[in-house]
Amino acid sequence: MNAPLNHPLPLLELDVLRTFVAIAETGSFTAAANAVYRTPSAVSMQIKKLEDILGRAVFTRDARSVTLTADGDLLLGYARRLLALNREAVSKFVMPDISGIVRLGSPDDFGERVLPSVLKRFSQSHPAIAVDVVIDQSVNLRKRMASRQLDITLLSCSGDVEQEPGVEILLTEPIVWAGTKGGCAHLREPLPISLWEEGCAWRNAAVKALSEQGREYRVAYMSAHTAGQRAAILGGLAVAPLPKSFIGGDLVELGPQDGLPKMGNYHIGMVVAPDASAPVRAAADHIRAAFELFHDTGRF
């Protein structure tokens, strides 16, 4: 039953929504309690309060797991957007006058897809901060970060990086085989594939999967840039491992039904200098907001 028009709707508290998102992302009340610096009992009380306000259960719980209900899944998108908007609004007033330089690193693929929108918003909210961008392979970006040549960097990481200290996971998604619509490269023997050199998370996943399947392959094309990979695929020269979100248009996803093995997931991680300045922290927040938007809409 809808509330009367003259009856104000209850307000959702951001602290409660932050706890809700932490539980949804960790799948655990205990882990979420650690993340938001509260006790497990306090976290349980927050969720009970949230469910009382909404009149709906947002989690299904059993002895070993916590999962979102359909209503909880719907709320998650709203919660992430509200938290991102809060972060953006507060930064407008708390840090509007900070100035300086941020040295930002990114792999080519996300430098092309993510950074334009992030940098546009960042320049609007922090016009006095200059951002110097370095596009390179993740292995080189790690070295630049270690030698303090960068303040913050994005990294493409293999699927087992969750425990790596200092890496904040922003996105996890499947790696899939990309082919051209109507193409037949995946039918050739040995399989022609487009890859980049050792250290690439997508390459490692592809080589491992093909080796486990016992499928013979040859590297038909090599490019460090996504545009080059797309050219090889669309030209029918090869298939290539790409993130699922890259598929679209004339690029189609291939899989077991096409004789190609599954490759699992990969991560996009972020590393921020431990002694990050205010401009660097502000840039990191904007990057987090961009990936939160992607979680909700599928677009950066």
C-alpha atoms as a PDB file:
ATOM      1  CA  MET A   1       0.000   0.000   0.000  1.00  0.00           C
ATOM      2  CA  ASN A   2       1.418   3.389  -0.979  1.00  0.00           C
ATOM      3  CA  ALA A   3       1.988   6.023   1.713  1.00  0.00           C
ATOM      4  CA  PRO A   4      -0.372   9.068   1.626  1.00  0.00           C
ATOM      5  CA  LEU A   5       1.045  11.983  -0.329  1.00  0.00           C
ATOM      6  CA  ASN A   6       1.099  14.181   2.786  1.00  0.00           C
ATOM      7  CA  HIS A   7       2.961  11.533   4.799  1.00  0.00           C
ATOM      8  CA  PRO A   8       6.761  11.896   4.505  1.00  0.00           C
ATOM      9  CA  LEU A   9       8.638   8.783   3.484  1.00  0.00           C
ATOM     10  CA  PRO A  10      11.357   7.582   5.886  1.00  0.00           C
ATOM     11  CA  LEU A  11      14.936   8.516   5.091  1.00  0.00           C
ATOM     12  CA  LEU A  12      17.605   5.877   4.528  1.00  0.00           C
ATOM     13  CA  GLU A  13      20.766   6.518   6.518  1.00  0.00           C
ATOM     14  CA  LEU A  14      24.008   6.462   4.560  1.00  0.00           C
ATOM     15  CA  ASP A  15      25.848   4.628   7.357  1.00  0.00           C
ATOM     16  CA  VAL A  16      23.279   1.848   7.164  1.00  0.00           C
ATOM     17  CA  LEU A  17      23.540   1.713   3.379  1.00  0.00           C
ATOM     18  CA  ARG A  18      27.335   1.550   3.640  1.00  0.00           C
ATOM     19  CA  THR A  19      26.998  -1.474   5.938  1.00  0.00           C
ATOM     20  CA  PHE A  20      24.432  -3.046   3.608  1.00  0.00           C
ATOM     21  CA  VAL A  21      26.786  -2.714   0.616  1.00  0.00           C
ATOM     22  CA  ALA A  22      29.694  -4.133   2.624  1.00  0.00           C
ATOM     23  CA  ILE A  23      27.659  -7.233   3.496  1.00  0.00           C
ATOM     24  CA  ALA A  24      26.509  -7.652  -0.106  1.00  0.00           C
ATOM     25  CA  GLU A  25      30.098  -7.442  -1.382  1.00  0.00           C
ATOM     26  CA  THR A  26      31.705  -9.683   1.249  1.00  0.00           C
ATOM     27  CA  GLY A  27      28.853 -12.163   1.731  1.00  0.00           C
ATOM     28  CA  SER A  28      29.477 -12.035   5.471  1.00  0.00           C
ATOM     29  CA  PHE A  29      28.194  -9.988   8.399  1.00  0.00           C
ATOM     30  CA  THR A  30      31.506 -10.523  10.219  1.00  0.00           C
ATOM     31  CA  ALA A  31      33.672  -9.394   7.303  1.00  0.00           C
ATOM     32  CA  ALA A  32      31.404  -6.409   6.728  1.00  0.00           C
ATOM     33  CA  ALA A  33      31.635  -5.472  10.410  1.00  0.00           C
ATOM     34  CA  ASN A  34      35.437  -5.342  10.082  1.00  0.00           C
ATOM     35  CA  ALA A  35      35.152  -3.254   6.919  1.00  0.00           C
ATOM     36  CA  VAL A  36      32.895  -0.610   8.493  1.00  0.00           C
ATOM     37  CA  TYR A  37      34.561  -0.726  11.933  1.00  0.00           C
ATOM     38  CA  ARG A  38      31.505  -1.926  13.829  1.00  0.00           C
ATOM     39  CA  THR A  39      30.710  -4.989  15.898  1.00  0.00           C
ATOM     40  CA  PRO A  40      28.761  -7.842  14.253  1.00  0.00           C
ATOM     41  CA  SER A  41      25.841  -7.201  16.608  1.00  0.00           C
ATOM     42  CA  ALA A  42      25.753  -3.516  15.604  1.00  0.00           C
ATOM     43  CA  VAL A  43      25.775  -4.525  11.936  1.00  0.00           C
ATOM     44  CA  SER A  44      22.872  -6.938  12.532  1.00  0.00           C
ATOM     45  CA  MET A  45      20.913  -4.155  14.235  1.00  0.00           C
ATOM     46  CA  GLN A  46      21.548  -1.821  11.287  1.00  0.00           C
ATOM     47  CA  ILE A  47      20.207  -4.365   8.808  1.00  0.00           C
ATOM     48  CA  LYS A  48      17.178  -5.099  10.987  1.00  0.00           C
ATOM     49  CA  LYS A  49      16.456  -1.369  11.075  1.00  0.00           C
ATOM     50  CA  LEU A  50      16.821  -1.174   7.281  1.00  0.00           C
ATOM     51  CA  GLU A  51      14.478  -4.115   6.739  1.00  0.00           C
ATOM     52  CA  ASP A  52      11.947  -2.609   9.167  1.00  0.00           C
ATOM     53  CA  ILE A  53      11.975   0.688   7.253  1.00  0.00           C
ATOM     54  CA  LEU A  54      11.528  -1.024   3.870  1.00  0.00           C
ATOM     55  CA  GLY A  55       9.175  -3.711   5.102  1.00  0.00           C
ATOM     56  CA  ARG A  56      11.181  -6.221   3.060  1.00  0.00           C
ATOM     57  CA  ALA A  57      13.969  -8.713   3.744  1.00  0.00           C
ATOM     58  CA  VAL A  58      17.161  -7.731   1.946  1.00  0.00           C
ATOM     59  CA  PHE A  59      19.238 -10.810   2.808  1.00  0.00           C
ATOM     60  CA  THR A  60      18.653 -14.539   2.944  1.00  0.00           C
ATOM     61  CA  ARG A  61      20.816 -16.084   5.654  1.00  0.00           C
ATOM     62  CA  ASP A  62      21.748 -19.632   6.534  1.00  0.00           C
ATOM     63  CA  ALA A  63      24.486 -21.174   8.671  1.00  0.00           C
ATOM     64  CA  ARG A  64      27.194 -20.654   6.051  1.00  0.00           C
ATOM     65  CA  SER A  65      26.246 -17.835   3.700  1.00  0.00           C
ATOM     66  CA  VAL A  66      24.452 -14.539   3.249  1.00  0.00           C
ATOM     67  CA  THR A  67      22.838 -13.763  -0.104  1.00  0.00           C
ATOM     68  CA  LEU A  68      20.750 -10.906  -1.424  1.00  0.00           C
ATOM     69  CA  THR A  69      17.021 -11.328  -1.897  1.00  0.00           C
ATOM     70  CA  ALA A  70      15.439  -9.931  -5.058  1.00  0.00           C
ATOM     71  CA  ASP A  71      14.551  -6.782  -3.091  1.00  0.00           C
ATOM     72  CA  GLY A  72      18.084  -6.613  -1.706  1.00  0.00           C
ATOM     73  CA  ASP A  73      19.539  -6.846  -5.203  1.00  0.00           C
ATOM     74  CA  LEU A  74      17.319  -3.949  -6.294  1.00  0.00           C
ATOM     75  CA  LEU A  75      18.350  -1.899  -3.262  1.00  0.00           C
ATOM     76  CA  LEU A  76      22.052  -2.519  -3.922  1.00  0.00           C
ATOM     77  CA  GLY A  77      22.011  -0.401  -7.071  1.00  0.00           C
ATOM     78  CA  TYR A  78      20.323   2.476  -5.277  1.00  0.00           C
ATOM     79  CA  ALA A  79      22.664   2.196  -2.301  1.00  0.00           C
ATOM     80  CA  ARG A  80      25.794   2.343  -4.434  1.00  0.00           C
ATOM     81  CA  ARG A  81      24.517   5.369  -6.334  1.00  0.00           C
ATOM     82  CA  LEU A  82      23.545   7.198  -3.130  1.00  0.00           C
ATOM     83  CA  LEU A  83      26.944   6.536  -1.557  1.00  0.00           C
ATOM     84  CA  ALA A  84      28.753   7.635  -4.716  1.00  0.00           C
ATOM     85  CA  LEU A  85      26.658  10.815  -4.898  1.00  0.00           C
ATOM     86  CA  ASN A  86      27.348  11.528  -1.237  1.00  0.00           C
ATOM     87  CA  ARG A  87      31.078  11.113  -1.786  1.00  0.00           C
ATOM     88  CA  GLU A  88      30.996  13.436  -4.785  1.00  0.00           C
ATOM     89  CA  ALA A  89      28.887  16.064  -3.006  1.00  0.00           C
ATOM     90  CA  VAL A  90      31.018  16.095   0.143  1.00  0.00           C
ATOM     91  CA  SER A  91      34.228  16.348  -1.851  1.00  0.00           C
ATOM     92  CA  LYS A  92      32.832  19.454  -3.569  1.00  0.00           C
ATOM     93  CA  PHE A  93      32.733  21.264  -0.214  1.00  0.00           C
ATOM     94  CA  VAL A  94      35.385  19.558   1.882  1.00  0.00           C
ATOM     95  CA  MET A  95      38.170  19.682  -0.699  1.00  0.00           C
ATOM     96  CA  PRO A  96      37.166  22.284  -3.291  1.00  0.00           C
ATOM     97  CA  ASP A  97      40.315  24.380  -3.075  1.00  0.00           C
ATOM     98  CA  ILE A  98      43.037  21.757  -2.920  1.00  0.00           C
ATOM     99  CA  SER A  99      45.665  21.944  -5.632  1.00  0.00           C
ATOM    100  CA  GLY A 100      48.591  19.890  -6.784  1.00  0.00           C
ATOM    101  CA  ILE A 101      49.575  17.165  -9.236  1.00  0.00           C
ATOM    102  CA  VAL A 102      48.387  13.555  -9.330  1.00  0.00           C
ATOM    103  CA  ARG A 103      50.507  11.036 -11.236  1.00  0.00           C
ATOM    104  CA  LEU A 104      48.057   8.393 -12.415  1.00  0.00           C
ATOM    105  CA  GLY A 105      48.841   5.112 -14.154  1.00  0.00           C
ATOM    106  CA  SER A 106      46.475   2.883 -16.114  1.00  0.00           C
ATOM    107  CA  PRO A 107      46.613  -0.083 -18.499  1.00  0.00           C
ATOM    108  CA  ASP A 108      45.728   0.783 -22.080  1.00  0.00           C
ATOM    109  CA  ASP A 109      42.297  -0.847 -22.081  1.00  0.00           C
ATOM    110  CA  PHE A 110      40.907   1.019 -19.092  1.00  0.00           C
ATOM    111  CA  GLY A 111      42.843   4.154 -19.928  1.00  0.00           C
ATOM    112  CA  GLU A 112      40.741   4.240 -23.084  1.00  0.00           C
ATOM    113  CA  ARG A 113      37.383   3.313 -21.553  1.00  0.00           C
ATOM    114  CA  VAL A 114      37.403   4.648 -17.993  1.00  0.00           C
ATOM    115  CA  LEU A 115      39.737   7.610 -17.674  1.00  0.00           C
ATOM    116  CA  PRO A 116      37.961  10.057 -20.025  1.00  0.00           C
ATOM    117  CA  SER A 117      34.792  10.118 -17.903  1.00  0.00           C
ATOM    118  CA  VAL A 118      36.717  10.028 -14.606  1.00  0.00           C
ATOM    119  CA  LEU A 119      39.051  12.858 -15.572  1.00  0.00           C
ATOM    120  CA  LYS A 120      36.189  14.966 -16.933  1.00  0.00           C
ATOM    121  CA  ARG A 121      34.287  14.780 -13.632  1.00  0.00           C
ATOM    122  CA  PHE A 122      37.464  15.244 -11.625  1.00  0.00           C
ATOM    123  CA  SER A 123      38.457  18.397 -13.500  1.00  0.00           C
ATOM    124  CA  GLN A 124      35.004  19.853 -12.838  1.00  0.00           C
ATOM    125  CA  SER A 125      35.120  19.237  -9.083  1.00  0.00           C
ATOM    126  CA  HIS A 126      38.860  19.905  -8.592  1.00  0.00           C
ATOM    127  CA  PRO A 127      39.967  22.347 -11.313  1.00  0.00           C
ATOM    128  CA  ALA A 128      43.172  23.255  -9.434  1.00  0.00           C
ATOM    129  CA  ILE A 129      44.539  19.696  -9.563  1.00  0.00           C
ATOM    130  CA  ALA A 130      46.582  18.628 -12.580  1.00  0.00           C
ATOM    131  CA  VAL A 131      46.595  14.942 -13.527  1.00  0.00           C
ATOM    132  CA  ASP A 132      49.578  13.426 -15.344  1.00  0.00           C
ATOM    133  CA  VAL A 133      48.574  10.101 -16.920  1.00  0.00           C
ATOM    134  CA  VAL A 134      50.896   7.223 -17.794  1.00  0.00           C
ATOM    135  CA  ILE A 135      49.534   4.389 -19.970  1.00  0.00           C
ATOM    136  CA  ASP A 136      51.558   1.190 -19.712  1.00  0.00           C
ATOM    137  CA  GLN A 137      51.384  -2.540 -19.018  1.00  0.00           C
ATOM    138  CA  SER A 138      50.342  -3.535 -15.517  1.00  0.00           C
ATOM    139  CA  VAL A 139      53.719  -5.150 -14.806  1.00  0.00           C
ATOM    140  CA  ASN A 140      55.470  -1.864 -15.626  1.00  0.00           C
ATOM    141  CA  LEU A 141      52.921   0.184 -13.694  1.00  0.00           C
ATOM    142  CA  ARG A 142      53.689  -1.909 -10.620  1.00  0.00           C
ATOM    143  CA  LYS A 143      57.381  -1.067 -11.007  1.00  0.00           C
ATOM    144  CA  ARG A 144      56.616   2.628 -11.467  1.00  0.00           C
ATOM    145  CA  MET A 145      54.477   2.551  -8.335  1.00  0.00           C
ATOM    146  CA  ALA A 146      57.194   0.794  -6.336  1.00  0.00           C
ATOM    147  CA  SER A 147      59.776   3.389  -7.392  1.00  0.00           C
ATOM    148  CA  ARG A 148      57.379   6.220  -6.459  1.00  0.00           C
ATOM    149  CA  GLN A 149      57.030   7.461 -10.025  1.00  0.00           C
ATOM    150  CA  LEU A 150      53.232   7.204  -9.649  1.00  0.00           C
ATOM    151  CA  ASP A 151      50.826   8.234  -6.889  1.00  0.00           C
ATOM    152  CA  ILE A 152      48.006   5.939  -7.926  1.00  0.00           C
ATOM    153  CA  THR A 153      47.526   3.259 -10.564  1.00  0.00           C
ATOM    154  CA  LEU A 154      44.972   0.872 -11.979  1.00  0.00           C
ATOM    155  CA  LEU A 155      46.119  -2.699 -12.646  1.00  0.00           C
ATOM    156  CA  SER A 156      44.790  -5.691 -14.555  1.00  0.00           C
ATOM    157  CA  CYS A 157      45.165  -8.588 -12.122  1.00  0.00           C
ATOM    158  CA  SER A 158      44.765 -12.344 -12.324  1.00  0.00           C
ATOM    159  CA  GLY A 159      41.891 -14.033 -10.545  1.00  0.00           C
ATOM    160  CA  ASP A 160      43.886 -15.002  -7.440  1.00  0.00           C
ATOM    161  CA  VAL A 161      44.973 -11.514  -6.395  1.00  0.00           C
ATOM    162  CA  GLU A 162      42.387 -10.964  -3.637  1.00  0.00           C
ATOM    163  CA  GLN A 163      44.974 -11.546  -0.929  1.00  0.00           C
ATOM    164  CA  GLU A 164      47.634  -9.261  -2.409  1.00  0.00           C
ATOM    165  CA  PRO A 165      48.422  -6.498   0.086  1.00  0.00           C
ATOM    166  CA  GLY A 166      47.831  -2.957  -1.061  1.00  0.00           C
ATOM    167  CA  VAL A 167      45.607  -3.834  -4.030  1.00  0.00           C
ATOM    168  CA  GLU A 168      42.005  -2.641  -3.758  1.00  0.00           C
ATOM    169  CA  ILE A 169      39.745  -4.661  -6.062  1.00  0.00           C
ATOM    170  CA  LEU A 170      37.386  -2.364  -7.980  1.00  0.00           C
ATOM    171  CA  LEU A 171      35.948  -4.795 -10.517  1.00  0.00           C
ATOM    172  CA  THR A 172      35.765  -8.543 -11.064  1.00  0.00           C
ATOM    173  CA  GLU A 173      34.460  -9.893 -14.352  1.00  0.00           C
ATOM    174  CA  PRO A 174      34.845 -12.949 -16.597  1.00  0.00           C
ATOM    175  CA  ILE A 175      37.467 -13.220 -19.307  1.00  0.00           C
ATOM    176  CA  VAL A 176      35.839 -14.560 -22.474  1.00  0.00           C
ATOM    177  CA  TRP A 177      36.908 -15.489 -25.977  1.00  0.00           C
ATOM    178  CA  ALA A 178      36.109 -12.753 -28.484  1.00  0.00           C
ATOM    179  CA  GLY A 179      35.524 -13.488 -32.155  1.00  0.00           C
ATOM    180  CA  THR A 180      34.007 -11.595 -35.039  1.00  0.00           C
ATOM    181  CA  LYS A 181      30.352 -12.051 -35.881  1.00  0.00           C
ATOM    182  CA  GLY A 182      30.074 -14.845 -38.457  1.00  0.00           C
ATOM    183  CA  GLY A 183      33.801 -15.573 -38.207  1.00  0.00           C
ATOM    184  CA  CYS A 184      35.465 -18.986 -38.303  1.00  0.00           C
ATOM    185  CA  ALA A 185      38.899 -18.353 -36.763  1.00  0.00           C
ATOM    186  CA  HIS A 186      37.905 -20.508 -33.763  1.00  0.00           C
ATOM    187  CA  LEU A 187      37.492 -23.516 -36.074  1.00  0.00           C
ATOM    188  CA  ARG A 188      41.082 -23.503 -37.334  1.00  0.00           C
ATOM    189  CA  GLU A 189      43.842 -25.818 -36.160  1.00  0.00           C
ATOM    190  CA  PRO A 190      46.013 -24.806 -34.499  1.00  0.00           C
ATOM    191  CA  LEU A 191      43.811 -22.109 -32.984  1.00  0.00           C
ATOM    192  CA  PRO A 192      44.996 -18.622 -34.021  1.00  0.00           C
ATOM    193  CA  ILE A 193      44.976 -16.309 -31.013  1.00  0.00           C
ATOM    194  CA  SER A 194      45.860 -12.684 -30.406  1.00  0.00           C
ATOM    195  CA  LEU A 195      47.792 -12.042 -27.187  1.00  0.00           C
ATOM    196  CA  TRP A 196      50.305  -9.788 -25.561  1.00  0.00           C
ATOM    197  CA  GLU A 197      53.516 -10.691 -23.784  1.00  0.00           C
ATOM    198  CA  GLU A 198      54.083 -12.494 -20.481  1.00  0.00           C
ATOM    199  CA  GLY A 199      52.566 -10.823 -17.442  1.00  0.00           C
ATOM    200  CA  CYS A 200      49.223  -9.974 -19.061  1.00  0.00           C
ATOM    201  CA  ALA A 201      46.361 -11.359 -16.920  1.00  0.00           C
ATOM    202  CA  TRP A 202      44.254 -12.117 -20.005  1.00  0.00           C
ATOM    203  CA  ARG A 203      47.126 -13.936 -21.709  1.00  0.00           C
ATOM    204  CA  ASN A 204      47.851 -16.037 -18.625  1.00  0.00           C
ATOM    205  CA  ALA A 205      44.211 -17.088 -18.337  1.00  0.00           C
ATOM    206  CA  ALA A 206      44.005 -18.002 -22.035  1.00  0.00           C
ATOM    207  CA  VAL A 207      47.222 -20.005 -22.148  1.00  0.00           C
ATOM    208  CA  LYS A 208      46.330 -21.884 -18.963  1.00  0.00           C
ATOM    209  CA  ALA A 209      42.834 -22.754 -20.211  1.00  0.00           C
ATOM    210  CA  LEU A 210      44.039 -23.931 -23.629  1.00  0.00           C
ATOM    211  CA  SER A 211      46.829 -26.014 -22.079  1.00  0.00           C
ATOM    212  CA  GLU A 212      44.399 -27.692 -19.686  1.00  0.00           C
ATOM    213  CA  GLN A 213      42.066 -28.425 -22.593  1.00  0.00           C
ATOM    214  CA  GLY A 214      44.929 -29.800 -24.693  1.00  0.00           C
ATOM    215  CA  ARG A 215      44.078 -27.449 -27.569  1.00  0.00           C
ATOM    216  CA  GLU A 216      46.909 -26.549 -29.914  1.00  0.00           C
ATOM    217  CA  TYR A 217      47.269 -22.857 -30.645  1.00  0.00           C
ATOM    218  CA  ARG A 218      49.561 -20.360 -32.304  1.00  0.00           C
ATOM    219  CA  VAL A 219      50.022 -16.667 -31.559  1.00  0.00           C
ATOM    220  CA  ALA A 220      48.844 -15.121 -34.805  1.00  0.00           C
ATOM    221  CA  TYR A 221      48.845 -11.507 -33.659  1.00  0.00           C
ATOM    222  CA  MET A 222      50.442  -9.531 -30.830  1.00  0.00           C
ATOM    223  CA  SER A 223      49.364  -6.117 -29.603  1.00  0.00           C
ATOM    224  CA  ALA A 224      49.598  -4.273 -26.305  1.00  0.00           C
ATOM    225  CA  HIS A 225      46.606  -2.129 -27.241  1.00  0.00           C
ATOM    226  CA  THR A 226      42.928  -3.017 -27.218  1.00  0.00           C
ATOM    227  CA  ALA A 227      42.444  -1.332 -30.599  1.00  0.00           C
ATOM    228  CA  GLY A 228      45.018  -3.698 -32.092  1.00  0.00           C
ATOM    229  CA  GLN A 229      43.326  -6.707 -30.532  1.00  0.00           C
ATOM    230  CA  ARG A 230      39.972  -5.624 -31.958  1.00  0.00           C
ATOM    231  CA  ALA A 231      41.516  -5.201 -35.406  1.00  0.00           C
ATOM    232  CA  ALA A 232      42.878  -8.759 -35.340  1.00  0.00           C
ATOM    233  CA  ILE A 233      39.521 -10.161 -34.218  1.00  0.00           C
ATOM    234  CA  LEU A 234      37.370  -8.168 -36.644  1.00  0.00           C
ATOM    235  CA  GLY A 235      39.744  -9.001 -39.481  1.00  0.00           C
ATOM    236  CA  GLY A 236      39.156 -12.717 -38.846  1.00  0.00           C
ATOM    237  CA  LEU A 237      42.853 -13.260 -38.085  1.00  0.00           C
ATOM    238  CA  ALA A 238      42.383 -14.647 -34.587  1.00  0.00           C
ATOM    239  CA  VAL A 239      40.279 -14.948 -31.468  1.00  0.00           C
ATOM    240  CA  ALA A 240      41.406 -13.233 -28.290  1.00  0.00           C
ATOM    241  CA  PRO A 241      40.771 -13.254 -24.538  1.00  0.00           C
ATOM    242  CA  LEU A 242      38.953 -10.083 -23.501  1.00  0.00           C
ATOM    243  CA  PRO A 243      36.843  -8.928 -20.545  1.00  0.00           C
ATOM    244  CA  LYS A 244      33.168  -9.734 -21.005  1.00  0.00           C
ATOM    245  CA  SER A 245      32.282  -6.038 -20.844  1.00  0.00           C
ATOM    246  CA  PHE A 246      34.330  -5.467 -24.022  1.00  0.00           C
ATOM    247  CA  ILE A 247      31.972  -7.647 -26.067  1.00  0.00           C
ATOM    248  CA  GLY A 248      29.499  -5.824 -28.278  1.00  0.00           C
ATOM    249  CA  GLY A 249      28.824  -4.719 -31.817  1.00  0.00           C
ATOM    250  CA  ASP A 250      30.611  -7.058 -34.219  1.00  0.00           C
ATOM    251  CA  LEU A 251      32.535  -8.705 -31.384  1.00  0.00           C
ATOM    252  CA  VAL A 252      30.788 -11.869 -30.153  1.00  0.00           C
ATOM    253  CA  GLU A 253      31.493 -14.099 -27.191  1.00  0.00           C
ATOM    254  CA  LEU A 254      32.706 -17.631 -27.918  1.00  0.00           C
ATOM    255  CA  GLY A 255      32.767 -20.464 -25.409  1.00  0.00           C
ATOM    256  CA  PRO A 256      32.451 -24.211 -24.807  1.00  0.00           C
ATOM    257  CA  GLN A 257      29.728 -24.451 -27.453  1.00  0.00           C
ATOM    258  CA  ASP A 258      32.384 -23.254 -29.932  1.00  0.00           C
ATOM    259  CA  GLY A 259      35.072 -25.619 -28.658  1.00  0.00           C
ATOM    260  CA  LEU A 260      36.822 -23.013 -26.516  1.00  0.00           C
ATOM    261  CA  PRO A 261      37.483 -23.425 -22.775  1.00  0.00           C
ATOM    262  CA  LYS A 262      36.285 -21.142 -19.995  1.00  0.00           C
ATOM    263  CA  MET A 263      38.987 -18.874 -18.587  1.00  0.00           C
ATOM    264  CA  GLY A 264      37.602 -17.682 -15.257  1.00  0.00           C
ATOM    265  CA  ASN A 265      37.690 -14.136 -13.910  1.00  0.00           C
ATOM    266  CA  TYR A 266      40.160 -11.315 -13.681  1.00  0.00           C
ATOM    267  CA  HIS A 267      40.217  -8.166 -11.574  1.00  0.00           C
ATOM    268  CA  ILE A 268      40.839  -4.495 -11.993  1.00  0.00           C
ATOM    269  CA  GLY A 269      42.710  -3.332  -8.923  1.00  0.00           C
ATOM    270  CA  MET A 270      43.840   0.041  -7.678  1.00  0.00           C
ATOM    271  CA  VAL A 271      46.979   0.857  -5.715  1.00  0.00           C
ATOM    272  CA  VAL A 272      47.257   4.176  -3.897  1.00  0.00           C
ATOM    273  CA  ALA A 273      50.465   5.473  -2.348  1.00  0.00           C
ATOM    274  CA  PRO A 274      50.396   4.872   1.429  1.00  0.00           C
ATOM    275  CA  ASP A 275      51.242   8.517   2.117  1.00  0.00           C
ATOM    276  CA  ALA A 276      48.743   9.827  -0.428  1.00  0.00           C
ATOM    277  CA  SER A 277      48.160  13.561  -0.484  1.00  0.00           C
ATOM    278  CA  ALA A 278      44.707  15.146  -0.482  1.00  0.00           C
ATOM    279  CA  PRO A 279      44.676  15.478  -4.312  1.00  0.00           C
ATOM    280  CA  VAL A 280      45.578  11.788  -4.684  1.00  0.00           C
ATOM    281  CA  ARG A 281      42.872  10.713  -2.238  1.00  0.00           C
ATOM    282  CA  ALA A 282      40.345  12.802  -4.137  1.00  0.00           C
ATOM    283  CA  ALA A 283      41.347  11.170  -7.437  1.00  0.00           C
ATOM    284  CA  ALA A 284      41.052   7.718  -5.858  1.00  0.00           C
ATOM    285  CA  ASP A 285      37.515   8.519  -4.705  1.00  0.00           C
ATOM    286  CA  HIS A 286      36.514   9.556  -8.202  1.00  0.00           C
ATOM    287  CA  ILE A 287      37.875   6.320  -9.632  1.00  0.00           C
ATOM    288  CA  ARG A 288      35.937   4.309  -7.040  1.00  0.00           C
ATOM    289  CA  ALA A 289      32.774   6.191  -7.974  1.00  0.00           C
ATOM    290  CA  ALA A 290      33.307   5.365 -11.657  1.00  0.00           C
ATOM    291  CA  PHE A 291      33.493   1.646 -10.920  1.00  0.00           C
ATOM    292  CA  GLU A 292      30.470   1.851  -8.618  1.00  0.00           C
ATOM    293  CA  LEU A 293      28.583   3.363 -11.552  1.00  0.00           C
ATOM    294  CA  PHE A 294      29.741   0.499 -13.762  1.00  0.00           C
ATOM    295  CA  HIS A 295      28.425  -2.015 -11.204  1.00  0.00           C
ATOM    296  CA  ASP A 296      24.991  -0.402 -11.476  1.00  0.00           C
ATOM    297  CA  THR A 297      24.710   0.469 -15.166  1.00  0.00           C
ATOM    298  CA  GLY A 298      27.327  -1.586 -17.005  1.00  0.00           C
ATOM    299  CA  ARG A 299      28.781   1.661 -18.373  1.00  0.00           C
ATOM    300  CA  PHE A 300      31.558   3.973 -17.265  1.00  0.00           C
END
